[in-house]
Amino acid sequence: MNPVSARLLAQQLICRQFSTPHDVVAWMGAMQAQEYRMMRWAVEMRTKKPSAKAFEKDYNEGKIVRGHLFRTTWQLVAGEDWRWMQELCRVNALRGLAGWMKSNGVSIPEAEQELVQLFFCDYLGKNRIAFKSDFARALEDKGLAMDDHRLSYHIRLAEYSGILCSGDLFPMKHSYALVEDKLPRQSPVPKDDALARLALKYFRSHGPATLEEFVWWSGLNISDCKAGMDAIRSELIEECWKGITFHRHRDSRTRGFRSGTLTLLPSYDEYLIGYKSRHVAVRPDHSHHAHNDRGIFWPVILRNGEVVGNWSAPGGTVQIEIFHPDAKLNRDDLQKELARYQGYLGR
């Protein structure tokens, strides 16, 4: 087993199978979306023909939703997955949020929470979408002025209560909408079924991976993760690599890898952040080029699935820096990847 080529295929970084941004996000399950602009390239680079306009269309139509789900961090999920995924992670998410509030000395009474959430519903019932600054001004007009951090906690609580989700896509700022307006109503998914769905999505799109990596990615406890894996056990294949037991889906592709493959990987991409250990893709002595100890990830260049450099695109012009001593980049391969990025920007 070659976990590098298998992950490149599963993550749609080579031999891409999907044409729409929605289909990519639905396949991946949940995609880290910490960087508001980079998240778009993270999705589009996995489509056959990247297009920023295609992402905007699916986002505005609610086919893709951005919010706080697993690990209480920003993620993109398919619109049809939002409700059952949020229900699955709600308990852990609220526990994590309560910890942050306590550490910052913030306490929000239940009566205040209900009042503000009624306000959110009323405001969005009249305006359809809103920025955080819109909420702040309107609350102040009603005599409910609060600092930015307190408002952030209220927005997060409303999100976990199933009231708020992402609105339309704007160049720089995240907007909010009502879940009832943005997403279709769906029947509740029993927890056992939800765990099975999540395990299937993860190992199909991120495999080969370990149980520990599934626990890390989902933020769920180990018992729930084992239950999800057990539910699809007949679909998983166990393989050993360097003494580590990996799991991959039985339908995962094994052919399509081409030597010399170059990839402009955005910051916080699933290819790195989707695993507890990144040693498969990053040499230990190069890890500081990909991320720091505080959880900050930077855009990197992959060659054959290994991190070999960094890149940035100020003003849309790509700048690269190669730090891997043995990396030999083929000019044609590099130009092809740069052309994909420029095409995504519509240039």
Protein backbone atom coordinates (compact mmCIF):
# COMPACT_ATOMS: atom_id res chain seq x y z
CA MET A 1 0.00 0.00 0.00
CA ASN A 2 1.15 3.51 -0.85
CA PRO A 3 -0.84 5.84 1.46
CA VAL A 4 0.38 8.94 -0.38
CA SER A 5 -1.01 8.03 -3.80
CA ALA A 6 -4.13 6.50 -2.24
CA ARG A 7 -4.88 9.71 -0.34
CA LEU A 8 -4.26 11.90 -3.38
CA LEU A 9 -6.83 9.84 -5.26
CA ALA A 10 -9.35 9.68 -2.42
CA GLN A 11 -9.09 13.41 -1.75
CA GLN A 12 -9.65 14.25 -5.43
CA LEU A 13 -6.26 15.93 -5.77
CA ILE A 14 -5.46 13.81 -8.83
CA CYS A 15 -7.73 12.08 -11.37
CA ARG A 16 -10.63 14.21 -10.20
CA GLN A 17 -14.10 12.71 -10.44
CA PHE A 18 -16.45 15.64 -9.75
CA SER A 19 -17.56 18.64 -11.76
CA THR A 20 -19.40 20.71 -9.14
CA PRO A 21 -18.23 22.23 -5.85
CA HIS A 22 -21.23 20.72 -4.06
CA ASP A 23 -20.30 17.20 -5.14
CA VAL A 24 -16.75 17.69 -3.85
CA VAL A 25 -17.91 18.91 -0.43
CA ALA A 26 -20.50 16.13 -0.16
CA TRP A 27 -17.78 13.58 -0.96
CA MET A 28 -15.29 15.01 1.54
CA GLY A 29 -17.85 15.11 4.36
CA ALA A 30 -16.54 18.24 6.04
CA MET A 31 -13.74 20.52 4.83
CA GLN A 32 -11.78 22.91 7.00
CA ALA A 33 -12.83 26.47 6.15
CA GLN A 34 -10.83 28.62 8.52
CA GLU A 35 -9.51 30.86 5.76
CA TYR A 36 -12.55 32.48 4.15
CA ARG A 37 -10.86 33.01 0.77
CA MET A 38 -8.62 29.94 0.65
CA MET A 39 -11.55 27.59 1.38
CA ARG A 40 -12.88 28.29 -2.12
CA TRP A 41 -9.71 27.07 -3.79
CA ALA A 42 -9.65 24.05 -1.46
CA VAL A 43 -12.97 22.97 -2.96
CA GLU A 44 -12.50 24.11 -6.55
CA MET A 45 -9.05 22.56 -6.97
CA ARG A 46 -10.77 19.20 -6.46
CA THR A 47 -13.16 19.74 -9.38
CA LYS A 48 -12.41 18.91 -13.00
CA LYS A 49 -12.57 22.56 -14.05
CA PRO A 50 -12.06 25.02 -11.18
CA SER A 51 -14.30 28.10 -11.17
CA ALA A 52 -14.74 30.66 -8.42
CA LYS A 53 -18.15 31.52 -9.86
CA ALA A 54 -19.29 27.90 -9.59
CA PHE A 55 -18.38 27.88 -5.91
CA GLU A 56 -20.25 31.13 -5.30
CA LYS A 57 -23.35 29.75 -7.01
CA ASP A 58 -23.46 26.55 -4.93
CA TYR A 59 -22.72 28.50 -1.74
CA ASN A 60 -25.45 31.08 -2.32
CA GLU A 61 -27.98 28.38 -3.17
CA GLY A 62 -27.31 26.55 0.12
CA LYS A 63 -25.75 23.54 -1.59
CA ILE A 64 -22.62 24.33 0.46
CA VAL A 65 -22.81 25.66 4.02
CA ARG A 66 -20.08 27.14 6.21
CA GLY A 67 -20.25 26.92 9.98
CA HIS A 68 -18.79 25.46 13.16
CA LEU A 69 -19.17 21.71 13.34
CA PHE A 70 -16.59 19.09 14.22
CA ARG A 71 -13.79 20.24 16.54
CA THR A 72 -15.83 23.48 16.94
CA THR A 73 -13.96 24.99 14.01
CA TRP A 74 -15.03 26.51 10.68
CA GLN A 75 -15.95 23.86 8.12
CA LEU A 76 -17.81 23.47 4.84
CA VAL A 77 -20.43 20.76 4.51
CA ALA A 78 -23.07 19.94 1.90
CA GLY A 79 -26.43 21.56 2.58
CA GLU A 80 -28.17 18.20 2.87
CA ASP A 81 -25.66 17.10 5.54
CA TRP A 82 -25.83 20.21 7.73
CA ARG A 83 -28.69 19.25 10.04
CA TRP A 84 -27.68 15.68 10.90
CA MET A 85 -24.00 16.57 11.24
CA GLN A 86 -24.78 19.47 13.54
CA GLU A 87 -27.00 17.27 15.68
CA LEU A 88 -24.19 14.71 15.90
CA CYS A 89 -21.60 17.22 17.10
CA ARG A 90 -23.86 19.54 19.14
CA VAL A 91 -23.07 18.16 22.62
CA ASN A 92 -19.31 18.32 22.14
CA ALA A 93 -19.56 21.71 20.46
CA LEU A 94 -21.57 23.24 23.30
CA ARG A 95 -19.17 21.75 25.84
CA GLY A 96 -16.22 23.29 24.01
CA LEU A 97 -17.96 26.65 23.71
CA ALA A 98 -18.83 26.63 27.42
CA GLY A 99 -15.16 26.06 28.21
CA TRP A 100 -14.09 29.05 26.11
CA MET A 101 -16.73 31.26 27.69
CA LYS A 102 -15.68 30.25 31.20
CA SER A 103 -12.01 30.88 30.48
CA ASN A 104 -12.91 34.37 29.25
CA GLY A 105 -15.17 35.09 32.19
CA VAL A 106 -18.33 35.24 30.06
CA SER A 107 -21.69 33.98 31.30
CA ILE A 108 -24.86 34.24 29.21
CA PRO A 109 -28.16 33.67 31.07
CA GLU A 110 -30.73 31.52 29.31
CA ALA A 111 -33.21 34.41 29.20
CA GLU A 112 -30.66 36.60 27.39
CA GLN A 113 -29.85 33.81 24.95
CA GLU A 114 -33.54 33.34 24.10
CA LEU A 115 -34.08 37.09 23.68
CA VAL A 116 -31.13 37.51 21.31
CA GLN A 117 -32.09 34.45 19.27
CA LEU A 118 -35.61 35.83 18.84
CA PHE A 119 -33.97 39.04 17.63
CA PHE A 120 -31.85 37.11 15.09
CA CYS A 121 -34.98 35.43 13.75
CA ASP A 122 -36.86 38.73 13.53
CA TYR A 123 -33.98 40.59 11.87
CA LEU A 124 -33.32 37.90 9.27
CA GLY A 125 -37.01 37.47 8.64
CA LYS A 126 -36.97 41.05 7.36
CA ASN A 127 -33.48 41.22 5.80
CA ARG A 128 -32.71 37.63 4.57
CA ILE A 129 -28.95 37.89 5.24
CA ALA A 130 -26.82 39.83 7.73
CA PHE A 131 -23.24 40.51 8.64
CA LYS A 132 -22.11 40.38 12.24
CA SER A 133 -21.84 44.18 12.19
CA ASP A 134 -25.52 44.39 11.15
CA PHE A 135 -26.51 42.37 14.22
CA ALA A 136 -24.37 44.60 16.44
CA ARG A 137 -25.93 47.85 15.19
CA ALA A 138 -29.49 46.54 15.31
CA LEU A 139 -29.02 45.15 18.84
CA GLU A 140 -27.63 48.48 19.99
CA ASP A 141 -30.66 50.25 18.53
CA LYS A 142 -32.84 48.02 20.72
CA GLY A 143 -30.82 48.77 23.83
CA LEU A 144 -28.98 45.43 23.75
CA ALA A 145 -25.46 46.68 23.04
CA MET A 146 -22.70 44.14 23.69
CA ASP A 147 -19.01 43.76 22.91
CA ASP A 148 -17.76 41.80 19.93
CA HIS A 149 -16.83 38.67 21.89
CA ARG A 150 -20.20 38.38 23.59
CA LEU A 151 -21.97 38.78 20.24
CA SER A 152 -19.73 36.06 18.77
CA TYR A 153 -20.82 33.68 21.52
CA HIS A 154 -24.47 34.50 20.88
CA ILE A 155 -24.06 33.83 17.17
CA ARG A 156 -22.37 30.51 17.89
CA LEU A 157 -25.13 29.51 20.34
CA ALA A 158 -27.75 30.36 17.72
CA GLU A 159 -25.84 28.25 15.23
CA TYR A 160 -25.78 25.24 17.56
CA SER A 161 -29.48 25.80 18.31
CA GLY A 162 -30.20 25.23 14.61
CA ILE A 163 -31.19 28.85 13.93
CA LEU A 164 -28.27 30.39 11.99
CA CYS A 165 -26.13 29.17 9.11
CA SER A 166 -24.06 30.86 6.43
CA GLY A 167 -25.71 33.37 4.10
CA ASP A 168 -24.43 34.53 0.71
CA LEU A 169 -20.76 34.60 -0.30
CA PHE A 170 -19.04 37.97 -0.16
CA PRO A 171 -15.41 38.75 -1.07
CA MET A 172 -14.13 39.30 2.46
CA LYS A 173 -16.87 38.93 5.09
CA HIS A 174 -18.96 35.98 6.30
CA SER A 175 -22.72 36.51 6.30
CA TYR A 176 -25.56 34.73 8.10
CA ALA A 177 -29.01 33.44 7.17
CA LEU A 178 -31.80 31.49 8.85
CA VAL A 179 -31.47 27.73 8.52
CA GLU A 180 -35.21 27.48 7.80
CA ASP A 181 -34.85 29.85 4.84
CA LYS A 182 -31.57 28.51 3.48
CA LEU A 183 -31.84 24.74 3.83
CA PRO A 184 -34.62 22.23 3.11
CA ARG A 185 -36.30 20.54 6.04
CA GLN A 186 -35.27 16.95 6.65
CA SER A 187 -36.29 14.08 8.88
CA PRO A 188 -34.01 13.50 11.90
CA VAL A 189 -31.25 10.93 11.42
CA PRO A 190 -30.81 8.41 14.29
CA LYS A 191 -27.40 8.69 15.94
CA ASP A 192 -26.27 5.19 14.87
CA ASP A 193 -27.08 5.97 11.25
CA ALA A 194 -25.36 9.35 11.49
CA LEU A 195 -22.18 7.76 12.87
CA ALA A 196 -22.19 5.23 10.03
CA ARG A 197 -22.68 8.00 7.45
CA LEU A 198 -19.82 10.02 8.90
CA ALA A 199 -17.45 7.05 9.01
CA LEU A 200 -18.28 6.22 5.40
CA LYS A 201 -17.65 9.78 4.26
CA TYR A 202 -14.34 10.00 6.12
CA PHE A 203 -12.74 6.72 5.09
CA ARG A 204 -14.01 6.99 1.53
CA SER A 205 -12.56 10.49 1.05
CA HIS A 206 -9.59 10.49 3.47
CA GLY A 207 -8.49 6.87 3.51
CA PRO A 208 -6.24 5.16 4.12
CA ALA A 209 -6.50 6.49 7.67
CA THR A 210 -6.43 5.19 11.23
CA LEU A 211 -9.06 5.10 13.97
CA GLU A 212 -7.08 7.78 15.84
CA GLU A 213 -7.23 10.04 12.80
CA PHE A 214 -10.99 9.59 12.50
CA VAL A 215 -11.32 10.53 16.18
CA TRP A 216 -9.16 13.62 15.63
CA TRP A 217 -11.00 14.74 12.49
CA SER A 218 -14.50 14.29 13.89
CA GLY A 219 -13.86 15.50 17.43
CA LEU A 220 -16.16 12.71 18.65
CA ASN A 221 -15.25 10.28 21.42
CA ILE A 222 -13.53 7.03 20.57
CA SER A 223 -16.62 4.93 21.40
CA ASP A 224 -18.74 6.79 18.86
CA CYS A 225 -16.02 6.57 16.22
CA LYS A 226 -15.64 2.83 16.78
CA ALA A 227 -19.42 2.44 16.50
CA GLY A 228 -19.42 4.29 13.20
CA MET A 229 -16.60 2.15 11.85
CA ASP A 230 -18.22 -1.07 13.09
CA ALA A 231 -21.39 -0.15 11.22
CA ILE A 232 -19.48 -0.14 7.91
CA ARG A 233 -16.88 -2.76 8.87
CA SER A 234 -17.75 -4.94 5.86
CA GLU A 235 -16.84 -2.02 3.58
CA LEU A 236 -13.44 -1.30 5.15
CA ILE A 237 -10.14 -2.91 4.23
CA GLU A 238 -7.30 -3.07 6.77
CA GLU A 239 -3.74 -2.65 5.55
CA CYS A 240 -0.45 -2.23 7.39
CA TRP A 241 2.18 0.33 6.45
CA LYS A 242 5.36 0.83 8.49
CA GLY A 243 3.77 -0.97 11.42
CA ILE A 244 0.62 1.17 11.41
CA THR A 245 -2.86 -0.24 10.73
CA PHE A 246 -4.75 1.82 8.17
CA HIS A 247 -8.34 1.52 6.96
CA ARG A 248 -9.61 2.38 3.51
CA HIS A 249 -12.93 1.90 1.77
CA ARG A 250 -13.24 -1.15 -0.45
CA ASP A 251 -14.19 1.04 -3.43
CA SER A 252 -11.18 3.34 -3.09
CA ARG A 253 -9.15 3.82 -6.24
CA THR A 254 -5.61 2.52 -6.49
CA ARG A 255 -4.67 3.64 -10.02
CA GLY A 256 -4.16 7.08 -11.47
CA PHE A 257 -1.05 8.36 -9.71
CA ARG A 258 1.46 10.02 -12.05
CA SER A 259 5.01 10.82 -11.04
CA GLY A 260 5.77 14.54 -11.02
CA THR A 261 2.29 15.60 -9.88
CA LEU A 262 2.32 19.18 -8.56
CA THR A 263 -0.38 20.71 -6.37
CA LEU A 264 -0.88 24.21 -4.95
CA LEU A 265 -2.43 23.26 -1.63
CA PRO A 266 -4.27 26.01 0.30
CA SER A 267 -3.78 26.68 4.00
CA TYR A 268 -5.74 24.41 6.37
CA ASP A 269 -6.34 21.88 3.62
CA GLU A 270 -7.86 18.49 4.41
CA TYR A 271 -4.83 16.73 2.92
CA LEU A 272 -2.89 17.82 6.00
CA ILE A 273 -5.37 18.89 8.65
CA GLY A 274 -7.63 15.89 8.10
CA TYR A 275 -5.17 13.63 9.94
CA LYS A 276 -3.78 13.62 13.45
CA SER A 277 -0.31 12.76 12.15
CA ARG A 278 1.04 14.41 8.99
CA HIS A 279 4.20 12.32 8.61
CA VAL A 280 2.81 10.63 5.50
CA ALA A 281 2.98 13.92 3.58
CA VAL A 282 5.53 16.05 5.46
CA ARG A 283 9.06 15.19 6.51
CA PRO A 284 9.50 15.92 10.25
CA ASP A 285 12.28 18.42 9.55
CA HIS A 286 9.98 20.26 7.11
CA SER A 287 6.82 20.35 9.22
CA HIS A 288 7.50 23.91 10.38
CA HIS A 289 7.05 25.05 6.78
CA ALA A 290 3.54 23.57 6.70
CA HIS A 291 2.25 24.52 10.15
CA ASN A 292 3.37 25.77 13.55
CA ASP A 293 2.74 24.46 17.07
CA ARG A 294 -0.22 26.81 17.55
CA GLY A 295 -2.29 25.21 14.80
CA ILE A 296 -1.58 27.74 12.06
CA PHE A 297 -1.32 26.14 8.60
CA TRP A 298 0.20 27.78 5.50
CA PRO A 299 -0.29 27.20 1.75
CA VAL A 300 2.16 24.56 0.54
CA ILE A 301 3.31 22.99 -2.71
CA LEU A 302 3.02 19.23 -3.09
CA ARG A 303 5.17 17.19 -5.42
CA ASN A 304 4.03 13.57 -5.67
CA GLY A 305 1.99 14.18 -2.53
CA GLU A 306 4.92 15.42 -0.42
CA VAL A 307 5.25 18.97 0.90
CA VAL A 308 8.23 20.56 -0.86
CA GLY A 309 7.57 24.32 -0.79
CA ASN A 310 5.28 27.24 0.03
CA TRP A 311 3.25 29.54 -2.19
CA SER A 312 1.24 32.72 -1.94
CA ALA A 313 -0.82 34.75 -4.39
CA PRO A 314 -0.80 38.46 -3.53
CA GLY A 315 -3.04 40.17 -6.06
CA GLY A 316 -3.58 36.83 -7.79
CA THR A 317 0.04 36.48 -8.90
CA VAL A 318 1.49 33.22 -7.60
CA GLN A 319 4.85 33.32 -5.82
CA ILE A 320 6.61 30.09 -4.88
CA GLU A 321 9.47 29.08 -2.60
CA ILE A 322 10.92 25.57 -2.68
CA PHE A 323 12.65 24.37 0.49
CA HIS A 324 12.94 20.61 -0.14
CA PRO A 325 16.58 19.97 -1.16
CA ASP A 326 15.69 17.14 -3.55
CA ALA A 327 12.61 18.66 -5.16
CA LYS A 328 12.89 18.92 -8.93
CA LEU A 329 9.90 20.69 -10.42
CA ASN A 330 9.04 20.09 -14.05
CA ARG A 331 8.28 23.42 -15.69
CA ASP A 332 5.37 22.04 -17.72
CA ASP A 333 3.77 20.48 -14.63
CA LEU A 334 4.16 23.73 -12.73
CA GLN A 335 2.67 25.79 -15.56
CA LYS A 336 -0.27 23.39 -15.75
CA GLU A 337 -1.05 23.83 -12.05
CA LEU A 338 -0.62 27.61 -12.28
CA ALA A 339 -3.02 27.63 -15.23
CA ARG A 340 -5.60 25.74 -13.15
CA TYR A 341 -5.34 28.38 -10.42
CA GLN A 342 -5.58 31.29 -12.86
CA GLY A 343 -8.52 29.61 -14.57
CA TYR A 344 -10.24 29.29 -11.20
CA LEU A 345 -9.82 33.06 -10.73
CA GLY A 346 -11.28 33.62 -14.19
CA ARG A 347 -8.05 34.94 -15.66
